[in-house]
Structure formats: C-alpha cells, structure tokens
Amino acid sequence: MATSILVLADDIFFLAKIQETAKAVGVAVARFNGQGGPAALAEINPQGVILDLNRRGSTSAVEWIRALKSEPATARTRIVAFASHVDEDLIAAAQAAGCDAVMARSAFSRRLPEILRELAAPVTG
C-alpha cells in the first residue's frame, strides 16, 4: 500500500489516532516532519495532506498551504487542516490561503474515517 496521505502534526498521540483510523479504513498515511519545508513535501507529491494548523515549526501552517497551492506540482494536492475551535482567525487564514477543508479539531476527529477515504480517492476532473 503506497503512502498517499502525509500528516504534518506535532501531537504524537493524535498522530497515532490518525494512523490507527487510516489502517482501519485501508488508507496509507505517513508522518511528514516538515524537514526541508514545502519544497521537500512537493517532491513527494502526495495525494493528500493533513495539516495541524497549531503545529510548531519555522514555516507556519498557513505558509505551507500557500506554498503547496502555488507550486504547480502540488497545486491540486488536497489539503485538510484542523485547529482548535477558538482559533477562528487561523482557520480563516487557512481558508484564504487555499486549504481545501478547514475544521475544528473535534469535527476533524468525528469525520476522520470519511476524510481519509476522500483524500485517498482518485482525483477526478
């Protein structure tokens, strides 16, 4: 099973939840630690990216979205991001940067199996 979805998240317990759910629905995911920045992720060219908007790092999550959506190789890569429900400005910034879906962490958790299946599905059109 080839990895089609990369996860950029710092919380290893939440990452484990994503990985367990992915295994249960038959979707391959892998953690991407952010090393090399958006250019390194673009080289991998995943089908989908799950992004924790609250992650730490030298490149902000919104900058990741902008970079991936502006790069021809990854412009069609689907990005689903989540954040704390109180981070309304961050959620709005991610949407403005071109993120395909942005939601509160609780909604992301609730919809995780569906989100993984959607990200793993072939891109049409």
N, C-alpha and C. Protein backbone atom coordinates (compact mmCIF):
# COMPACT_ATOMS: atom_id res chain seq x y z
N MET A 1 0.86 -1.18 0.00
CA MET A 1 0.00 0.00 0.00
C MET A 1 0.90 1.23 0.00
N ALA A 2 0.90 1.99 -1.06
CA ALA A 2 1.73 3.19 -1.15
C ALA A 2 1.13 4.31 -0.31
N THR A 3 2.00 5.14 0.22
CA THR A 3 1.53 6.26 1.03
C THR A 3 0.94 7.32 0.11
N SER A 4 -0.29 7.65 0.35
CA SER A 4 -0.94 8.67 -0.46
C SER A 4 -1.26 9.92 0.33
N ILE A 5 -1.17 9.82 1.67
CA ILE A 5 -1.53 10.95 2.52
C ILE A 5 -0.39 11.20 3.51
N LEU A 6 0.05 12.44 3.56
CA LEU A 6 1.06 12.83 4.54
C LEU A 6 0.41 13.65 5.64
N VAL A 7 0.88 13.47 6.85
CA VAL A 7 0.33 14.16 8.01
C VAL A 7 1.41 15.03 8.62
N LEU A 8 1.13 16.32 8.75
CA LEU A 8 2.01 17.25 9.43
C LEU A 8 1.35 17.61 10.75
N ALA A 9 1.79 16.97 11.80
CA ALA A 9 1.21 17.19 13.13
C ALA A 9 2.28 16.91 14.17
N ASP A 10 2.29 17.68 15.24
CA ASP A 10 3.26 17.51 16.31
C ASP A 10 2.78 16.56 17.40
N ASP A 11 1.49 16.50 17.62
CA ASP A 11 0.92 15.71 18.70
C ASP A 11 0.99 14.23 18.34
N ILE A 12 1.93 13.49 18.96
CA ILE A 12 2.12 12.09 18.59
C ILE A 12 0.94 11.21 18.96
N PHE A 13 0.19 11.58 19.99
CA PHE A 13 -0.99 10.80 20.36
C PHE A 13 -2.09 10.98 19.32
N PHE A 14 -2.26 12.20 18.84
CA PHE A 14 -3.27 12.45 17.81
C PHE A 14 -2.83 11.82 16.49
N LEU A 15 -1.53 11.87 16.22
CA LEU A 15 -0.98 11.22 15.03
C LEU A 15 -1.27 9.72 15.08
N ALA A 16 -1.10 9.11 16.25
CA ALA A 16 -1.39 7.68 16.41
C ALA A 16 -2.87 7.40 16.12
N LYS A 17 -3.74 8.29 16.55
CA LYS A 17 -5.18 8.13 16.27
C LYS A 17 -5.43 8.17 14.77
N ILE A 18 -4.79 9.09 14.08
CA ILE A 18 -4.95 9.19 12.62
C ILE A 18 -4.44 7.92 11.96
N GLN A 19 -3.28 7.44 12.39
CA GLN A 19 -2.69 6.23 11.81
C GLN A 19 -3.56 5.00 12.06
N GLU A 20 -4.09 4.86 13.26
CA GLU A 20 -4.96 3.72 13.59
C GLU A 20 -6.24 3.76 12.76
N THR A 21 -6.82 4.94 12.62
CA THR A 21 -8.04 5.07 11.83
C THR A 21 -7.75 4.77 10.36
N ALA A 22 -6.62 5.27 9.87
CA ALA A 22 -6.23 5.01 8.48
C ALA A 22 -6.08 3.52 8.23
N LYS A 23 -5.45 2.83 9.14
CA LYS A 23 -5.27 1.38 9.00
C LYS A 23 -6.63 0.68 8.96
N ALA A 24 -7.54 1.12 9.82
CA ALA A 24 -8.87 0.52 9.89
C ALA A 24 -9.66 0.70 8.60
N VAL A 25 -9.45 1.82 7.91
CA VAL A 25 -10.20 2.07 6.66
C VAL A 25 -9.38 1.72 5.42
N GLY A 26 -8.16 1.21 5.62
CA GLY A 26 -7.35 0.76 4.49
C GLY A 26 -6.69 1.86 3.70
N VAL A 27 -6.31 2.93 4.38
CA VAL A 27 -5.67 4.06 3.73
C VAL A 27 -4.26 4.21 4.29
N ALA A 28 -3.29 4.42 3.43
CA ALA A 28 -1.91 4.58 3.87
C ALA A 28 -1.62 6.04 4.21
N VAL A 29 -1.10 6.25 5.41
CA VAL A 29 -0.68 7.59 5.81
C VAL A 29 0.74 7.50 6.37
N ALA A 30 1.43 8.61 6.33
CA ALA A 30 2.77 8.69 6.92
C ALA A 30 2.96 10.08 7.50
N ARG A 31 3.72 10.14 8.57
CA ARG A 31 4.03 11.43 9.16
C ARG A 31 5.12 12.09 8.33
N PHE A 32 4.94 13.37 8.10
CA PHE A 32 5.97 14.18 7.45
C PHE A 32 6.41 15.18 8.50
N ASN A 33 7.68 15.20 8.83
CA ASN A 33 8.16 16.03 9.94
C ASN A 33 8.40 17.48 9.56
N GLY A 34 8.24 17.82 8.32
CA GLY A 34 8.42 19.21 7.89
C GLY A 34 9.83 19.54 7.46
N GLN A 35 10.76 18.61 7.66
CA GLN A 35 12.15 18.85 7.28
C GLN A 35 12.23 19.12 5.78
N GLY A 36 12.90 20.19 5.44
CA GLY A 36 13.03 20.56 4.03
C GLY A 36 11.92 21.47 3.55
N GLY A 37 10.93 21.71 4.41
CA GLY A 37 9.87 22.65 4.09
C GLY A 37 8.95 22.16 2.99
N PRO A 38 8.12 23.07 2.49
CA PRO A 38 7.15 22.71 1.45
C PRO A 38 7.79 22.12 0.19
N ALA A 39 9.02 22.53 -0.13
CA ALA A 39 9.68 22.00 -1.32
C ALA A 39 9.91 20.50 -1.19
N ALA A 40 10.29 20.05 0.00
CA ALA A 40 10.51 18.61 0.22
C ALA A 40 9.20 17.85 0.12
N LEU A 41 8.13 18.42 0.63
CA LEU A 41 6.84 17.77 0.52
C LEU A 41 6.40 17.73 -0.94
N ALA A 42 6.67 18.78 -1.68
CA ALA A 42 6.30 18.82 -3.09
C ALA A 42 7.02 17.74 -3.88
N GLU A 43 8.25 17.41 -3.49
CA GLU A 43 8.99 16.35 -4.17
C GLU A 43 8.30 14.99 -3.98
N ILE A 44 7.70 14.79 -2.82
CA ILE A 44 6.98 13.54 -2.55
C ILE A 44 5.67 13.52 -3.34
N ASN A 45 5.07 14.69 -3.51
CA ASN A 45 3.82 14.86 -4.26
C ASN A 45 2.72 13.91 -3.79
N PRO A 46 2.30 14.02 -2.54
CA PRO A 46 1.25 13.14 -2.02
C PRO A 46 -0.10 13.47 -2.63
N GLN A 47 -1.00 12.56 -2.51
CA GLN A 47 -2.36 12.78 -2.98
C GLN A 47 -3.11 13.72 -2.05
N GLY A 48 -2.77 13.65 -0.76
CA GLY A 48 -3.44 14.49 0.22
C GLY A 48 -2.52 14.82 1.37
N VAL A 49 -2.85 15.91 2.05
CA VAL A 49 -2.08 16.35 3.21
C VAL A 49 -3.07 16.67 4.33
N ILE A 50 -2.75 16.18 5.51
CA ILE A 50 -3.49 16.54 6.71
C ILE A 50 -2.56 17.44 7.51
N LEU A 51 -3.06 18.62 7.86
CA LEU A 51 -2.20 19.63 8.47
C LEU A 51 -2.81 20.16 9.76
N ASP A 52 -2.03 20.06 10.82
CA ASP A 52 -2.41 20.64 12.11
C ASP A 52 -2.01 22.11 12.06
N LEU A 53 -2.98 22.99 12.04
CA LEU A 53 -2.71 24.42 11.95
C LEU A 53 -1.98 24.96 13.18
N ASN A 54 -2.04 24.23 14.27
CA ASN A 54 -1.38 24.66 15.50
C ASN A 54 0.03 24.08 15.65
N ARG A 55 0.54 23.44 14.62
CA ARG A 55 1.87 22.82 14.70
C ARG A 55 2.95 23.89 14.84
N ARG A 56 4.03 23.46 15.48
CA ARG A 56 5.18 24.35 15.62
C ARG A 56 6.10 24.15 14.43
N GLY A 57 6.95 25.09 14.19
CA GLY A 57 7.92 24.92 13.11
C GLY A 57 8.31 26.27 12.55
N SER A 58 9.38 26.25 11.76
CA SER A 58 9.86 27.50 11.19
C SER A 58 8.94 28.01 10.09
N THR A 59 8.19 27.13 9.48
CA THR A 59 7.23 27.53 8.46
C THR A 59 5.83 27.37 9.04
N SER A 60 5.06 28.46 9.05
CA SER A 60 3.71 28.38 9.62
C SER A 60 2.83 27.50 8.74
N ALA A 61 1.80 26.98 9.33
CA ALA A 61 0.88 26.11 8.61
C ALA A 61 0.25 26.85 7.42
N VAL A 62 -0.07 28.11 7.60
CA VAL A 62 -0.67 28.88 6.50
C VAL A 62 0.35 29.06 5.38
N GLU A 63 1.63 29.25 5.72
CA GLU A 63 2.68 29.33 4.69
C GLU A 63 2.80 28.01 3.94
N TRP A 64 2.65 26.89 4.64
CA TRP A 64 2.67 25.58 3.97
C TRP A 64 1.57 25.52 2.93
N ILE A 65 0.37 25.93 3.32
CA ILE A 65 -0.76 25.88 2.39
C ILE A 65 -0.49 26.75 1.17
N ARG A 66 -0.07 27.99 1.41
CA ARG A 66 0.22 28.90 0.29
C ARG A 66 1.28 28.31 -0.65
N ALA A 67 2.34 27.78 -0.06
CA ALA A 67 3.43 27.22 -0.87
C ALA A 67 2.96 26.03 -1.69
N LEU A 68 2.22 25.13 -1.07
CA LEU A 68 1.76 23.94 -1.79
C LEU A 68 0.76 24.29 -2.89
N LYS A 69 -0.13 25.22 -2.62
CA LYS A 69 -1.14 25.59 -3.60
C LYS A 69 -0.57 26.44 -4.74
N SER A 70 0.59 27.08 -4.52
CA SER A 70 1.18 27.90 -5.58
C SER A 70 2.19 27.12 -6.43
N GLU A 71 2.59 25.95 -5.98
CA GLU A 71 3.55 25.11 -6.71
C GLU A 71 2.78 24.25 -7.72
N PRO A 72 3.12 24.32 -9.01
CA PRO A 72 2.37 23.54 -10.00
C PRO A 72 2.29 22.04 -9.68
N ALA A 73 3.35 21.47 -9.13
CA ALA A 73 3.35 20.03 -8.84
C ALA A 73 2.37 19.64 -7.74
N THR A 74 2.06 20.57 -6.84
CA THR A 74 1.19 20.24 -5.72
C THR A 74 -0.07 21.10 -5.65
N ALA A 75 -0.31 21.91 -6.65
CA ALA A 75 -1.47 22.81 -6.62
C ALA A 75 -2.78 22.05 -6.47
N ARG A 76 -2.84 20.82 -7.00
CA ARG A 76 -4.08 20.03 -6.91
C ARG A 76 -4.08 19.08 -5.72
N THR A 77 -3.00 19.08 -4.95
CA THR A 77 -2.96 18.23 -3.76
C THR A 77 -4.01 18.71 -2.78
N ARG A 78 -4.84 17.79 -2.33
CA ARG A 78 -5.90 18.16 -1.41
C ARG A 78 -5.33 18.31 0.00
N ILE A 79 -5.68 19.41 0.65
CA ILE A 79 -5.20 19.70 2.00
C ILE A 79 -6.40 19.84 2.92
N VAL A 80 -6.38 19.06 4.00
CA VAL A 80 -7.39 19.17 5.04
C VAL A 80 -6.64 19.60 6.30
N ALA A 81 -7.10 20.69 6.90
CA ALA A 81 -6.44 21.22 8.08
C ALA A 81 -7.42 21.29 9.25
N PHE A 82 -6.84 21.25 10.44
CA PHE A 82 -7.65 21.36 11.65
C PHE A 82 -6.92 22.23 12.66
N ALA A 83 -7.71 22.81 13.56
CA ALA A 83 -7.16 23.67 14.61
C ALA A 83 -8.14 23.67 15.77
N SER A 84 -7.70 24.25 16.85
CA SER A 84 -8.59 24.44 17.98
C SER A 84 -9.75 25.32 17.53
N HIS A 85 -10.95 25.01 18.01
CA HIS A 85 -12.14 25.77 17.59
C HIS A 85 -12.05 27.26 17.97
N VAL A 86 -11.20 27.61 18.91
CA VAL A 86 -11.08 29.01 19.31
C VAL A 86 -10.16 29.81 18.39
N ASP A 87 -9.44 29.13 17.49
CA ASP A 87 -8.51 29.79 16.58
C ASP A 87 -9.20 30.21 15.29
N GLU A 88 -10.24 31.02 15.42
CA GLU A 88 -11.04 31.41 14.26
C GLU A 88 -10.23 32.17 13.21
N ASP A 89 -9.32 33.04 13.64
CA ASP A 89 -8.50 33.80 12.68
C ASP A 89 -7.58 32.87 11.90
N LEU A 90 -7.01 31.88 12.58
CA LEU A 90 -6.12 30.92 11.92
C LEU A 90 -6.91 30.07 10.92
N ILE A 91 -8.08 29.64 11.29
CA ILE A 91 -8.94 28.87 10.40
C ILE A 91 -9.30 29.70 9.16
N ALA A 92 -9.64 30.96 9.36
CA ALA A 92 -9.96 31.86 8.24
C ALA A 92 -8.75 32.07 7.34
N ALA A 93 -7.57 32.22 7.94
CA ALA A 93 -6.34 32.42 7.16
C ALA A 93 -6.03 31.19 6.31
N ALA A 94 -6.26 30.00 6.87
CA ALA A 94 -6.02 28.77 6.11
C ALA A 94 -6.99 28.67 4.93
N GLN A 95 -8.24 29.03 5.15
CA GLN A 95 -9.21 29.02 4.06
C GLN A 95 -8.81 30.01 2.98
N ALA A 96 -8.38 31.19 3.38
CA ALA A 96 -7.98 32.22 2.42
C ALA A 96 -6.73 31.80 1.64
N ALA A 97 -5.87 30.98 2.25
CA ALA A 97 -4.65 30.53 1.60
C ALA A 97 -4.91 29.42 0.58
N GLY A 98 -6.14 28.88 0.58
CA GLY A 98 -6.49 27.87 -0.41
C GLY A 98 -6.66 26.47 0.12
N CYS A 99 -6.70 26.30 1.43
CA CYS A 99 -6.90 24.98 2.01
C CYS A 99 -8.24 24.43 1.55
N ASP A 100 -8.26 23.16 1.19
CA ASP A 100 -9.48 22.56 0.65
C ASP A 100 -10.58 22.38 1.69
N ALA A 101 -10.18 22.07 2.93
CA ALA A 101 -11.15 21.93 4.02
C ALA A 101 -10.45 22.27 5.32
N VAL A 102 -11.10 23.11 6.11
CA VAL A 102 -10.56 23.52 7.41
C VAL A 102 -11.66 23.34 8.42
N MET A 103 -11.30 22.74 9.56
CA MET A 103 -12.33 22.50 10.57
C MET A 103 -11.73 22.47 11.96
N ALA A 104 -12.61 22.57 12.93
CA ALA A 104 -12.19 22.43 14.32
C ALA A 104 -11.69 21.01 14.53
N ARG A 105 -10.76 20.85 15.45
CA ARG A 105 -10.17 19.55 15.74
C ARG A 105 -11.24 18.50 16.09
N SER A 106 -12.28 18.92 16.82
CA SER A 106 -13.34 17.98 17.21
C SER A 106 -14.09 17.48 15.98
N ALA A 107 -14.38 18.35 15.04
CA ALA A 107 -15.07 17.94 13.81
C ALA A 107 -14.17 17.04 12.97
N PHE A 108 -12.88 17.37 12.92
CA PHE A 108 -11.92 16.54 12.21
C PHE A 108 -11.91 15.13 12.79
N SER A 109 -11.85 15.03 14.10
CA SER A 109 -11.84 13.72 14.77
C SER A 109 -13.10 12.93 14.46
N ARG A 110 -14.22 13.59 14.50
CA ARG A 110 -15.51 12.94 14.26
C ARG A 110 -15.61 12.43 12.82
N ARG A 111 -15.05 13.18 11.88
CA ARG A 111 -15.17 12.85 10.45
C ARG A 111 -13.94 12.12 9.90
N LEU A 112 -12.99 11.76 10.76
CA LEU A 112 -11.71 11.24 10.30
C LEU A 112 -11.81 10.08 9.30
N PRO A 113 -12.59 9.04 9.53
CA PRO A 113 -12.65 7.96 8.53
C PRO A 113 -13.10 8.47 7.15
N GLU A 114 -14.10 9.31 7.14
CA GLU A 114 -14.61 9.88 5.89
C GLU A 114 -13.55 10.76 5.21
N ILE A 115 -12.86 11.57 6.00
CA ILE A 115 -11.81 12.45 5.46
C ILE A 115 -10.70 11.63 4.82
N LEU A 116 -10.27 10.57 5.50
CA LEU A 116 -9.21 9.73 4.96
C LEU A 116 -9.62 9.08 3.65
N ARG A 117 -10.84 8.58 3.59
CA ARG A 117 -11.33 7.96 2.35
C ARG A 117 -11.38 8.99 1.21
N GLU A 118 -11.84 10.19 1.53
CA GLU A 118 -11.91 11.24 0.50
C GLU A 118 -10.52 11.62 -0.01
N LEU A 119 -9.56 11.76 0.89
CA LEU A 119 -8.21 12.12 0.48
C LEU A 119 -7.55 11.02 -0.34
N ALA A 120 -7.87 9.78 -0.04
CA ALA A 120 -7.26 8.65 -0.75
C ALA A 120 -7.92 8.36 -2.09
N ALA A 121 -9.11 8.89 -2.29
CA ALA A 121 -9.84 8.63 -3.54
C ALA A 121 -9.13 9.33 -4.70
N PRO A 122 -9.19 8.73 -5.87
CA PRO A 122 -8.56 9.35 -7.04
C PRO A 122 -9.15 10.73 -7.32
N VAL A 123 -8.30 11.63 -7.73
CA VAL A 123 -8.73 12.98 -8.10
C VAL A 123 -9.35 12.91 -9.48
N THR A 124 -10.53 13.48 -9.61
CA THR A 124 -11.21 13.50 -10.90
C THR A 124 -11.31 14.93 -11.40
N GLY A 125 -11.39 15.06 -12.70
CA GLY A 125 -11.61 16.38 -13.28
C GLY A 125 -10.43 17.16 -13.50
